[in-house]
């Protein structure tokens, strides 16, 4: 080996050693963008929206002080769980529930905080109207294309003609109607390609 080849081999070995050594460094990974930096979900803070003040006679903000319209997460949690102080509407709903005699004070307070006392009394009618609107809309185009045939109900059906005859015979003989078995029509579930092939 000549001197020039040795230098190249040493340079290549040194470069490889540097790459391996720097590959383990945290700072290098961060600089090269190889380390994933996920956001801290607990550090996400909601900010109150900016609004135009009702008058411009406001005090200038103090550097480093908290914003006056911001509430701490603890205060927000307290408002969510216990309601805002001075909630007269919730109090009147509680009073009405207790006065009706259906709930105790504790039950009324719990239901009020959960929002159950101000539920709409005609919710069933609203749901029925929405269901009727969906049923009136009918089936979609793809359902009509894929399932063009009427589905026959599978299972057992009462043979009406034979059942009528059986009941007349039982009443003529004075027997109980449930003495003999009911005549049924057995319908099996159709195969997947049965309507197409035959």
N, C-alpha and C. Protein backbone atom coordinates (compact mmCIF):
# COMPACT_ATOMS: atom_id res chain seq x y z
N UNK A 1 0.85 -1.18 0.00
CA UNK A 1 0.00 0.00 0.00
C UNK A 1 0.89 1.24 0.00
N UNK A 2 0.53 2.19 -0.78
CA UNK A 2 1.33 3.40 -0.82
C UNK A 2 0.81 4.40 0.20
N UNK A 3 1.48 5.50 0.38
CA UNK A 3 1.15 6.51 1.39
C UNK A 3 -0.17 7.21 1.11
N UNK A 4 -0.49 7.39 -0.16
CA UNK A 4 -1.73 8.05 -0.54
C UNK A 4 -2.95 7.18 -0.20
N UNK A 5 -2.84 5.88 -0.42
CA UNK A 5 -3.93 4.94 -0.12
C UNK A 5 -4.15 4.82 1.38
N UNK A 6 -3.06 4.91 2.16
CA UNK A 6 -3.18 4.83 3.61
C UNK A 6 -3.91 6.04 4.15
N UNK A 7 -3.59 7.20 3.58
CA UNK A 7 -4.27 8.42 4.03
C UNK A 7 -5.77 8.34 3.75
N UNK A 8 -6.10 7.85 2.56
CA UNK A 8 -7.52 7.73 2.22
C UNK A 8 -8.24 6.76 3.16
N UNK A 9 -7.60 5.66 3.47
CA UNK A 9 -8.20 4.66 4.36
C UNK A 9 -8.38 5.25 5.75
N UNK A 10 -7.37 5.99 6.23
CA UNK A 10 -7.48 6.61 7.55
C UNK A 10 -8.57 7.68 7.57
N UNK A 11 -8.65 8.49 6.50
CA UNK A 11 -9.71 9.50 6.42
C UNK A 11 -11.10 8.86 6.38
N UNK A 12 -11.25 7.79 5.63
CA UNK A 12 -12.54 7.10 5.55
C UNK A 12 -12.91 6.50 6.91
N UNK A 13 -11.92 5.90 7.58
CA UNK A 13 -12.17 5.32 8.90
C UNK A 13 -12.50 6.41 9.91
N UNK A 14 -11.79 7.54 9.84
CA UNK A 14 -12.07 8.66 10.75
C UNK A 14 -13.45 9.25 10.50
N UNK A 15 -13.83 9.39 9.23
CA UNK A 15 -15.16 9.92 8.91
C UNK A 15 -16.26 8.98 9.40
N UNK A 16 -16.05 7.68 9.22
CA UNK A 16 -17.03 6.70 9.69
C UNK A 16 -17.13 6.74 11.21
N UNK A 17 -16.00 6.88 11.89
CA UNK A 17 -16.00 6.96 13.35
C UNK A 17 -16.72 8.21 13.82
N UNK A 18 -16.51 9.34 13.13
CA UNK A 18 -17.20 10.59 13.49
C UNK A 18 -18.71 10.46 13.30
N UNK A 19 -19.13 9.84 12.20
CA UNK A 19 -20.56 9.66 11.95
C UNK A 19 -21.20 8.79 13.03
N UNK A 20 -20.51 7.71 13.41
CA UNK A 20 -21.04 6.84 14.45
C UNK A 20 -21.08 7.57 15.78
N UNK A 21 -20.05 8.33 16.10
CA UNK A 21 -20.00 9.05 17.37
C UNK A 21 -21.05 10.14 17.43
N UNK A 22 -21.23 10.87 16.33
CA UNK A 22 -22.22 11.94 16.32
C UNK A 22 -23.65 11.43 16.22
N UNK A 23 -23.81 10.21 15.73
CA UNK A 23 -25.15 9.64 15.61
C UNK A 23 -25.81 9.44 16.96
N UNK A 24 -25.04 9.25 18.00
CA UNK A 24 -25.60 9.04 19.33
C UNK A 24 -25.88 10.32 20.09
N UNK A 25 -25.45 11.44 19.58
CA UNK A 25 -25.65 12.70 20.29
C UNK A 25 -27.08 13.19 20.12
N UNK A 26 -27.67 13.64 21.21
CA UNK A 26 -29.03 14.19 21.17
C UNK A 26 -29.09 15.47 20.38
N UNK A 27 -28.11 16.31 20.57
CA UNK A 27 -28.11 17.60 19.88
C UNK A 27 -28.05 17.43 18.38
N UNK A 28 -27.26 16.48 17.91
CA UNK A 28 -27.14 16.26 16.48
C UNK A 28 -28.45 15.75 15.91
N UNK A 29 -29.10 14.84 16.64
CA UNK A 29 -30.39 14.32 16.17
C UNK A 29 -31.42 15.45 16.08
N UNK A 30 -31.40 16.33 17.06
CA UNK A 30 -32.35 17.45 17.03
C UNK A 30 -32.07 18.38 15.87
N UNK A 31 -30.78 18.67 15.63
CA UNK A 31 -30.41 19.59 14.56
C UNK A 31 -30.77 19.00 13.20
N UNK A 32 -30.55 17.71 13.04
CA UNK A 32 -30.84 17.06 11.76
C UNK A 32 -32.32 16.71 11.60
N UNK A 33 -33.11 16.88 12.65
CA UNK A 33 -34.54 16.59 12.57
C UNK A 33 -34.86 15.12 12.66
N UNK A 34 -33.98 14.33 13.27
CA UNK A 34 -34.22 12.90 13.38
C UNK A 34 -34.98 12.52 14.63
N UNK A 35 -35.07 13.42 15.59
CA UNK A 35 -35.76 13.12 16.84
C UNK A 35 -37.18 13.67 16.77
N UNK A 36 -38.13 12.82 17.09
CA UNK A 36 -39.53 13.24 17.04
C UNK A 36 -39.85 14.10 18.26
N UNK A 37 -40.48 15.23 18.02
CA UNK A 37 -40.87 16.12 19.11
C UNK A 37 -42.39 16.24 19.11
N UNK A 38 -43.02 15.43 19.93
CA UNK A 38 -44.49 15.46 20.01
C UNK A 38 -44.92 16.65 20.85
N UNK A 39 -46.05 17.25 20.52
CA UNK A 39 -46.53 18.36 21.35
C UNK A 39 -47.01 17.86 22.70
N UNK A 40 -46.87 18.69 23.70
CA UNK A 40 -47.33 18.35 25.04
C UNK A 40 -48.82 18.67 25.12
N UNK A 41 -49.65 17.63 25.21
CA UNK A 41 -51.09 17.85 25.19
C UNK A 41 -51.60 18.56 26.43
N UNK A 42 -50.82 18.54 27.50
CA UNK A 42 -51.26 19.21 28.72
C UNK A 42 -50.87 20.69 28.73
N UNK A 43 -49.99 21.07 27.82
CA UNK A 43 -49.56 22.46 27.77
C UNK A 43 -50.44 23.30 26.84
N UNK A 44 -51.39 22.65 26.16
CA UNK A 44 -52.27 23.37 25.25
C UNK A 44 -53.26 24.16 26.09
N UNK A 45 -53.30 25.46 25.89
CA UNK A 45 -54.15 26.33 26.69
C UNK A 45 -55.06 27.10 25.75
N UNK A 46 -56.34 27.15 26.09
CA UNK A 46 -57.26 27.94 25.27
C UNK A 46 -57.15 29.39 25.68
N UNK A 47 -57.23 30.25 24.72
CA UNK A 47 -57.17 31.69 24.99
C UNK A 47 -58.51 32.29 24.67
N UNK A 48 -58.90 33.23 25.48
CA UNK A 48 -60.16 33.92 25.23
C UNK A 48 -60.04 34.70 23.93
N UNK A 49 -61.12 34.78 23.14
CA UNK A 49 -61.03 35.50 21.87
C UNK A 49 -60.85 37.00 22.10
N UNK A 50 -60.19 37.62 21.16
CA UNK A 50 -59.99 39.07 21.24
C UNK A 50 -61.29 39.78 20.92
N UNK A 51 -61.63 40.75 21.73
CA UNK A 51 -62.86 41.51 21.53
C UNK A 51 -62.56 42.99 21.63
N UNK A 52 -63.37 43.76 20.97
CA UNK A 52 -63.25 45.21 21.07
C UNK A 52 -63.88 45.63 22.39
N UNK A 53 -63.16 46.35 23.23
CA UNK A 53 -63.71 46.72 24.54
C UNK A 53 -64.89 47.68 24.39
N UNK A 54 -65.81 47.67 25.37
CA UNK A 54 -66.96 48.58 25.29
C UNK A 54 -66.55 50.04 25.38
N UNK A 55 -65.51 50.32 26.13
CA UNK A 55 -64.98 51.68 26.16
C UNK A 55 -63.46 51.59 26.19
N UNK A 56 -62.82 52.68 25.85
CA UNK A 56 -61.37 52.64 25.74
C UNK A 56 -60.68 53.18 26.98
N UNK A 57 -61.37 53.24 28.09
CA UNK A 57 -60.77 53.73 29.33
C UNK A 57 -60.17 52.59 30.14
N UNK A 58 -59.43 51.72 29.50
CA UNK A 58 -58.86 50.57 30.19
C UNK A 58 -57.48 50.90 30.75
N UNK A 59 -57.14 50.20 31.81
CA UNK A 59 -55.79 50.35 32.34
C UNK A 59 -54.82 49.61 31.43
N UNK A 60 -53.62 50.12 31.27
CA UNK A 60 -52.64 49.40 30.44
C UNK A 60 -52.22 48.11 31.15
N UNK A 61 -51.94 47.07 30.39
CA UNK A 61 -51.56 45.80 31.01
C UNK A 61 -50.20 45.88 31.68
N UNK A 62 -50.06 45.09 32.74
CA UNK A 62 -48.78 45.03 33.44
C UNK A 62 -47.96 43.90 32.83
N UNK A 63 -46.69 44.16 32.55
CA UNK A 63 -45.87 43.10 31.97
C UNK A 63 -45.73 41.92 32.93
N UNK A 64 -45.97 40.71 32.40
CA UNK A 64 -45.82 39.50 33.20
C UNK A 64 -47.04 39.12 34.01
N UNK A 65 -48.04 40.00 34.09
CA UNK A 65 -49.24 39.68 34.87
C UNK A 65 -50.18 38.83 34.02
N UNK A 66 -51.04 38.06 34.71
CA UNK A 66 -52.00 37.22 33.99
C UNK A 66 -53.06 38.10 33.33
N UNK A 67 -53.61 37.61 32.25
CA UNK A 67 -54.66 38.34 31.56
C UNK A 67 -55.92 38.30 32.42
N UNK A 68 -56.61 39.41 32.58
CA UNK A 68 -57.77 39.42 33.49
C UNK A 68 -58.93 38.57 32.99
N UNK A 69 -59.08 38.38 31.68
CA UNK A 69 -60.20 37.60 31.19
C UNK A 69 -59.90 36.10 31.18
N UNK A 70 -58.65 35.74 31.43
CA UNK A 70 -58.28 34.33 31.46
C UNK A 70 -58.64 33.74 32.82
N UNK A 71 -59.21 32.56 32.79
CA UNK A 71 -59.45 31.84 34.05
C UNK A 71 -58.49 30.67 34.10
N UNK A 72 -58.13 30.30 35.29
CA UNK A 72 -57.20 29.20 35.44
C UNK A 72 -57.92 27.89 35.11
N UNK A 73 -57.17 26.86 34.75
CA UNK A 73 -57.81 25.57 34.47
C UNK A 73 -58.60 25.05 35.67
N UNK A 74 -58.13 25.34 36.87
CA UNK A 74 -58.85 24.91 38.07
C UNK A 74 -60.22 25.59 38.16
N UNK A 75 -60.25 26.90 37.86
CA UNK A 75 -61.52 27.63 37.90
C UNK A 75 -62.47 27.14 36.82
N UNK A 76 -61.94 26.86 35.62
CA UNK A 76 -62.79 26.34 34.54
C UNK A 76 -63.38 25.00 34.92
N UNK A 77 -62.55 24.12 35.53
CA UNK A 77 -63.05 22.81 35.96
C UNK A 77 -64.13 22.97 37.03
N UNK A 78 -63.93 23.90 37.94
CA UNK A 78 -64.93 24.14 38.99
C UNK A 78 -66.24 24.63 38.37
N UNK A 79 -66.15 25.54 37.37
CA UNK A 79 -67.37 26.02 36.71
C UNK A 79 -68.09 24.91 35.97
N UNK A 80 -67.31 24.01 35.34
CA UNK A 80 -67.94 22.91 34.61
C UNK A 80 -68.64 21.96 35.57
N UNK A 81 -67.99 21.63 36.67
CA UNK A 81 -68.56 20.66 37.61
C UNK A 81 -69.66 21.25 38.48
N UNK A 82 -69.46 22.46 38.96
CA UNK A 82 -70.40 23.03 39.92
C UNK A 82 -71.29 24.10 39.33
N UNK A 83 -71.04 24.49 38.11
CA UNK A 83 -71.84 25.54 37.50
C UNK A 83 -71.29 26.90 37.87
N UNK A 84 -71.72 27.91 37.14
CA UNK A 84 -71.24 29.26 37.42
C UNK A 84 -71.96 29.80 38.64
N UNK A 85 -71.26 30.56 39.45
CA UNK A 85 -71.93 31.11 40.63
C UNK A 85 -73.02 32.08 40.22
N UNK A 86 -74.12 32.01 40.96
CA UNK A 86 -75.24 32.91 40.68
C UNK A 86 -76.09 32.44 39.52
N UNK A 87 -76.08 31.12 39.21
CA UNK A 87 -76.92 30.59 38.14
C UNK A 87 -78.36 30.51 38.58
N UNK A 88 -79.15 31.54 38.30
CA UNK A 88 -80.53 31.60 38.79
C UNK A 88 -81.43 30.65 38.03
N UNK A 89 -81.14 30.39 36.75
CA UNK A 89 -81.99 29.50 35.97
C UNK A 89 -81.92 28.08 36.52
N UNK A 90 -80.69 27.62 36.82
CA UNK A 90 -80.53 26.28 37.38
C UNK A 90 -81.20 26.19 38.73
N UNK A 91 -81.10 27.25 39.53
CA UNK A 91 -81.75 27.25 40.84
C UNK A 91 -83.26 27.18 40.72
N UNK A 92 -83.84 27.88 39.75
CA UNK A 92 -85.29 27.83 39.59
C UNK A 92 -85.74 26.46 39.11
N UNK A 93 -84.95 25.82 38.25
CA UNK A 93 -85.30 24.47 37.80
C UNK A 93 -85.23 23.49 38.96
N UNK A 94 -84.21 23.66 39.82
CA UNK A 94 -84.11 22.80 41.00
C UNK A 94 -85.31 23.01 41.91
N UNK A 95 -85.68 24.26 42.13
CA UNK A 95 -86.81 24.56 43.01
C UNK A 95 -88.10 23.97 42.45
N UNK A 96 -88.29 24.05 41.14
CA UNK A 96 -89.49 23.46 40.53
C UNK A 96 -89.49 21.95 40.69
N UNK A 97 -88.32 21.31 40.52
CA UNK A 97 -88.25 19.86 40.64
C UNK A 97 -88.54 19.41 42.06
N UNK A 98 -88.03 20.15 43.05
CA UNK A 98 -88.29 19.80 44.45
C UNK A 98 -89.75 20.05 44.79
N UNK A 99 -90.31 21.16 44.28
CA UNK A 99 -91.71 21.50 44.56
C UNK A 99 -92.66 20.48 43.95
N UNK A 100 -92.26 19.86 42.84
CA UNK A 100 -93.15 18.87 42.22
C UNK A 100 -93.25 17.61 43.06
N UNK A 101 -92.32 17.40 43.98
CA UNK A 101 -92.35 16.24 44.86
C UNK A 101 -91.75 15.00 44.24
N UNK A 102 -91.24 15.10 43.05
CA UNK A 102 -90.66 13.93 42.40
C UNK A 102 -89.22 13.68 42.84
N UNK A 103 -88.51 14.74 43.23
CA UNK A 103 -87.10 14.62 43.57
C UNK A 103 -86.82 15.27 44.92
N UNK A 104 -85.79 14.75 45.58
CA UNK A 104 -85.31 15.42 46.79
C UNK A 104 -84.40 16.56 46.37
N UNK A 105 -83.93 17.36 47.34
CA UNK A 105 -83.05 18.49 47.01
C UNK A 105 -81.74 17.99 46.39
N UNK A 106 -81.19 16.92 46.94
CA UNK A 106 -79.94 16.38 46.41
C UNK A 106 -80.10 15.84 45.00
N UNK A 107 -81.19 15.11 44.77
CA UNK A 107 -81.44 14.58 43.43
C UNK A 107 -81.65 15.71 42.43
N UNK A 108 -82.39 16.72 42.84
CA UNK A 108 -82.64 17.86 41.94
C UNK A 108 -81.34 18.59 41.62
N UNK A 109 -80.46 18.75 42.62
CA UNK A 109 -79.18 19.42 42.38
C UNK A 109 -78.32 18.61 41.41
N UNK A 110 -78.29 17.29 41.61
CA UNK A 110 -77.50 16.42 40.73
C UNK A 110 -78.05 16.45 39.31
N UNK A 111 -79.36 16.35 39.17
CA UNK A 111 -79.97 16.38 37.84
C UNK A 111 -79.78 17.73 37.17
N UNK A 112 -79.82 18.80 37.95
CA UNK A 112 -79.62 20.14 37.40
C UNK A 112 -78.20 20.30 36.88
N UNK A 113 -77.21 19.84 37.63
CA UNK A 113 -75.81 19.95 37.21
C UNK A 113 -75.55 19.10 35.96
N UNK A 114 -76.26 17.97 35.86
CA UNK A 114 -76.09 17.10 34.69
C UNK A 114 -76.86 17.61 33.49
N UNK A 115 -77.73 18.61 33.69
CA UNK A 115 -78.50 19.16 32.58
C UNK A 115 -79.74 18.36 32.26
N UNK A 116 -80.18 17.49 33.18
CA UNK A 116 -81.34 16.64 32.91
C UNK A 116 -82.66 17.35 33.17
N UNK A 117 -82.66 18.40 33.98
CA UNK A 117 -83.92 19.08 34.30
C UNK A 117 -84.38 19.99 33.17
N UNK A 118 -83.47 20.45 32.34
CA UNK A 118 -83.89 21.32 31.25
C UNK A 118 -83.99 20.56 29.93
N UNK A 119 -84.21 19.25 30.02
CA UNK A 119 -84.39 18.44 28.81
C UNK A 119 -85.73 18.77 28.17
N UNK A 120 -85.79 18.64 26.88
CA UNK A 120 -87.01 18.97 26.14
C UNK A 120 -88.08 17.92 26.44
N UNK A 121 -89.30 18.34 26.83
CA UNK A 121 -90.33 17.35 27.15
C UNK A 121 -90.89 16.66 25.91
N UNK A 122 -90.75 17.24 24.74
CA UNK A 122 -91.30 16.62 23.54
C UNK A 122 -90.21 15.96 22.69
N UNK A 123 -89.20 15.38 23.36
CA UNK A 123 -88.08 14.77 22.64
C UNK A 123 -88.54 13.56 21.84
N UNK A 124 -89.49 12.80 22.36
CA UNK A 124 -89.96 11.61 21.63
C UNK A 124 -90.61 12.00 20.31
N UNK A 125 -91.39 13.07 20.32
CA UNK A 125 -92.04 13.51 19.09
C UNK A 125 -91.00 13.98 18.07
N UNK A 126 -89.97 14.66 18.55
CA UNK A 126 -88.91 15.13 17.64
C UNK A 126 -88.18 13.95 17.00
N UNK A 127 -87.87 12.93 17.82
CA UNK A 127 -87.17 11.76 17.29
C UNK A 127 -88.05 11.03 16.29
N UNK A 128 -89.35 10.90 16.59
CA UNK A 128 -90.26 10.24 15.66
C UNK A 128 -90.37 11.00 14.35
N UNK A 129 -90.38 12.33 14.41
CA UNK A 129 -90.43 13.12 13.18
C UNK A 129 -89.17 12.92 12.35
N UNK A 130 -88.02 12.89 13.00
CA UNK A 130 -86.78 12.69 12.27
C UNK A 130 -86.73 11.30 11.64
N UNK A 131 -87.20 10.28 12.39
CA UNK A 131 -87.23 8.93 11.83
C UNK A 131 -88.19 8.84 10.65
N UNK A 132 -89.33 9.51 10.76
CA UNK A 132 -90.30 9.51 9.66
C UNK A 132 -89.71 10.19 8.43
N UNK A 133 -88.95 11.25 8.64
CA UNK A 133 -88.32 11.94 7.51
C UNK A 133 -87.29 11.04 6.84
N UNK A 134 -86.53 10.28 7.64
CA UNK A 134 -85.55 9.37 7.06
C UNK A 134 -86.24 8.24 6.30
N UNK A 135 -87.34 7.72 6.85
CA UNK A 135 -88.07 6.65 6.18
C UNK A 135 -88.70 7.14 4.89
N UNK A 136 -89.18 8.39 4.89
CA UNK A 136 -89.80 8.95 3.69
C UNK A 136 -88.77 9.18 2.59
N UNK A 137 -87.53 9.41 2.98
CA UNK A 137 -86.49 9.63 1.98
C UNK A 137 -86.26 8.38 1.16
N UNK A 138 -86.58 7.21 1.72
CA UNK A 138 -86.47 5.97 0.97
C UNK A 138 -85.05 5.45 0.92
N UNK A 139 -84.91 4.40 0.15
CA UNK A 139 -83.59 3.78 0.04
C UNK A 139 -82.76 4.54 -0.98
N UNK A 140 -81.49 4.40 -0.86
CA UNK A 140 -80.59 5.09 -1.77
C UNK A 140 -80.50 4.40 -3.12
N UNK A 141 -79.84 5.04 -4.05
CA UNK A 141 -79.69 4.52 -5.40
C UNK A 141 -78.93 3.20 -5.40
N UNK A 142 -77.86 3.11 -4.61
CA UNK A 142 -77.06 1.88 -4.60
C UNK A 142 -77.85 0.71 -4.05
N UNK A 143 -78.69 0.94 -3.05
CA UNK A 143 -79.53 -0.14 -2.53
C UNK A 143 -80.48 -0.63 -3.61
N UNK A 144 -81.01 0.28 -4.41
CA UNK A 144 -81.92 -0.13 -5.49
C UNK A 144 -81.17 -0.92 -6.56
N UNK A 145 -79.93 -0.55 -6.84
CA UNK A 145 -79.16 -1.27 -7.85
C UNK A 145 -78.74 -2.64 -7.34
N UNK A 146 -78.23 -2.70 -6.12
CA UNK A 146 -77.72 -3.96 -5.59
C UNK A 146 -78.83 -4.91 -5.16
N UNK A 147 -79.88 -4.40 -4.60
CA UNK A 147 -80.95 -5.24 -4.07
C UNK A 147 -82.26 -4.90 -4.77
N UNK A 148 -82.34 -5.21 -6.07
CA UNK A 148 -83.50 -4.84 -6.85
C UNK A 148 -84.71 -5.71 -6.56
N UNK A 149 -84.48 -6.91 -6.02
CA UNK A 149 -85.60 -7.81 -5.76
C UNK A 149 -86.14 -7.58 -4.36
N UNK A 150 -87.43 -7.82 -4.21
CA UNK A 150 -88.05 -7.73 -2.89
C UNK A 150 -87.56 -8.89 -2.04
N UNK A 151 -87.24 -8.63 -0.81
CA UNK A 151 -86.80 -9.69 0.09
C UNK A 151 -88.01 -10.41 0.65
N UNK A 152 -88.00 -11.72 0.54
CA UNK A 152 -89.06 -12.50 1.16
C UNK A 152 -88.64 -12.80 2.59
N UNK A 153 -89.56 -12.66 3.52
CA UNK A 153 -89.18 -12.99 4.90
C UNK A 153 -88.95 -14.49 5.04
N UNK A 154 -87.85 -14.86 5.66
CA UNK A 154 -87.59 -16.28 5.87
C UNK A 154 -88.05 -16.66 7.28
N UNK A 155 -88.18 -17.94 7.51
CA UNK A 155 -88.67 -18.41 8.81
C UNK A 155 -90.03 -19.05 8.64
N UNK A 156 -90.81 -19.08 9.70
CA UNK A 156 -92.11 -19.75 9.68
C UNK A 156 -93.23 -18.73 9.56
N UNK A 157 -94.19 -19.04 8.69
CA UNK A 157 -95.40 -18.24 8.56
C UNK A 157 -96.59 -19.16 8.77
N UNK A 158 -97.63 -18.63 9.36
CA UNK A 158 -98.84 -19.43 9.59
C UNK A 158 -99.58 -19.57 8.26
N UNK A 159 -99.96 -20.81 7.94
CA UNK A 159 -100.78 -21.06 6.75
C UNK A 159 -102.20 -20.68 7.11
N UNK A 160 -102.66 -19.53 6.64
CA UNK A 160 -103.93 -18.96 7.07
C UNK A 160 -105.11 -19.85 6.72
N UNK A 161 -105.10 -20.43 5.54
CA UNK A 161 -106.23 -21.27 5.11
C UNK A 161 -106.37 -22.50 5.98
N UNK A 162 -105.27 -23.21 6.19
CA UNK A 162 -105.30 -24.43 7.02
C UNK A 162 -105.59 -24.09 8.48
N UNK A 163 -105.08 -22.96 8.96
CA UNK A 163 -105.31 -22.55 10.35
C UNK A 163 -106.78 -22.23 10.56
N UNK A 164 -107.41 -21.57 9.61
CA UNK A 164 -108.84 -21.25 9.72
C UNK A 164 -109.66 -22.54 9.75
N UNK A 165 -109.33 -23.49 8.89
CA UNK A 165 -110.03 -24.78 8.86
C UNK A 165 -109.84 -25.51 10.19
N UNK A 166 -108.62 -25.51 10.72
CA UNK A 166 -108.33 -26.21 11.98
C UNK A 166 -109.12 -25.60 13.13
N UNK A 167 -109.19 -24.27 13.19
CA UNK A 167 -109.94 -23.62 14.27
C UNK A 167 -111.44 -23.89 14.17
N UNK A 168 -112.00 -23.91 12.94
CA UNK A 168 -113.42 -24.22 12.76
C UNK A 168 -113.73 -25.64 13.19
N UNK A 169 -112.84 -26.58 12.82
CA UNK A 169 -113.05 -27.98 13.21
C UNK A 169 -112.96 -28.14 14.72
N UNK A 170 -112.00 -27.45 15.35
CA UNK A 170 -111.84 -27.56 16.81
C UNK A 170 -113.05 -26.99 17.52
N UNK A 171 -113.62 -25.87 17.03
CA UNK A 171 -114.79 -25.30 17.70
C UNK A 171 -116.03 -26.15 17.45
N UNK A 172 -116.12 -26.81 16.27
CA UNK A 172 -117.27 -27.68 15.99
C UNK A 172 -117.24 -28.91 16.88
N UNK A 173 -116.05 -29.43 17.17
CA UNK A 173 -115.92 -30.61 18.02
C UNK A 173 -115.92 -30.24 19.51
N UNK A 174 -115.80 -28.97 19.82
CA UNK A 174 -115.76 -28.53 21.22
C UNK A 174 -114.38 -28.69 21.84
N UNK A 175 -113.35 -28.83 21.03
CA UNK A 175 -111.98 -28.98 21.54
C UNK A 175 -111.35 -27.60 21.76
N UNK A 176 -110.30 -27.60 22.56
CA UNK A 176 -109.54 -26.36 22.78
C UNK A 176 -108.76 -26.02 21.51
N UNK A 177 -108.60 -24.74 21.19
CA UNK A 177 -107.89 -24.38 19.95
C UNK A 177 -106.42 -24.77 19.95
N UNK A 178 -105.83 -24.93 21.12
CA UNK A 178 -104.40 -25.27 21.17
C UNK A 178 -104.16 -26.77 21.30
N UNK A 179 -105.18 -27.60 21.04
CA UNK A 179 -105.03 -29.04 21.17
C UNK A 179 -104.15 -29.61 20.06
N UNK A 180 -104.31 -29.11 18.86
CA UNK A 180 -103.48 -29.57 17.73
C UNK A 180 -102.49 -28.48 17.36
N UNK A 181 -101.49 -28.90 16.60
CA UNK A 181 -100.44 -27.93 16.23
C UNK A 181 -100.91 -27.01 15.12
N UNK A 182 -100.36 -25.83 15.12
CA UNK A 182 -100.69 -24.81 14.14
C UNK A 182 -99.98 -25.14 12.82
N UNK A 183 -100.68 -25.10 11.68
CA UNK A 183 -100.02 -25.36 10.40
C UNK A 183 -99.16 -24.16 9.99
N UNK A 184 -97.93 -24.42 9.63
CA UNK A 184 -97.01 -23.34 9.26
C UNK A 184 -96.43 -23.60 7.88
N UNK A 185 -96.00 -22.52 7.26
CA UNK A 185 -95.29 -22.59 5.98
C UNK A 185 -93.82 -22.33 6.29
N UNK A 186 -92.97 -23.27 5.95
CA UNK A 186 -91.53 -23.11 6.19
C UNK A 186 -90.92 -22.39 5.00
N UNK A 187 -90.30 -21.28 5.25
CA UNK A 187 -89.58 -20.57 4.20
C UNK A 187 -88.11 -20.57 4.56
N UNK A 188 -87.32 -20.99 3.63
CA UNK A 188 -85.88 -20.99 3.88
C UNK A 188 -85.29 -19.70 3.31
N UNK A 189 -84.13 -19.36 3.79
CA UNK A 189 -83.45 -18.17 3.29
C UNK A 189 -82.90 -18.47 1.90
N UNK A 190 -83.13 -17.57 0.98
CA UNK A 190 -82.69 -17.79 -0.40
C UNK A 190 -81.17 -17.67 -0.48
N UNK A 191 -80.62 -18.40 -1.43
CA UNK A 191 -79.18 -18.35 -1.67
C UNK A 191 -78.78 -17.02 -2.28
N UNK A 192 -77.49 -16.79 -2.31
CA UNK A 192 -76.98 -15.51 -2.76
C UNK A 192 -77.27 -15.26 -4.24
N UNK A 193 -77.09 -16.28 -5.09
CA UNK A 193 -77.30 -16.13 -6.53
C UNK A 193 -78.59 -16.81 -6.99
N UNK A 194 -79.45 -17.20 -6.09
CA UNK A 194 -80.63 -17.98 -6.44
C UNK A 194 -81.60 -17.22 -7.34
N UNK A 195 -81.82 -15.95 -7.10
CA UNK A 195 -82.75 -15.18 -7.92
C UNK A 195 -82.21 -14.87 -9.30
N UNK A 196 -80.91 -14.91 -9.48
CA UNK A 196 -80.31 -14.57 -10.77
C UNK A 196 -80.27 -15.78 -11.69
N UNK A 197 -79.89 -16.94 -11.13
CA UNK A 197 -79.69 -18.14 -11.95
C UNK A 197 -81.01 -18.80 -12.31
N UNK A 198 -81.92 -18.98 -11.36
CA UNK A 198 -83.18 -19.67 -11.68
C UNK A 198 -84.36 -18.80 -11.41
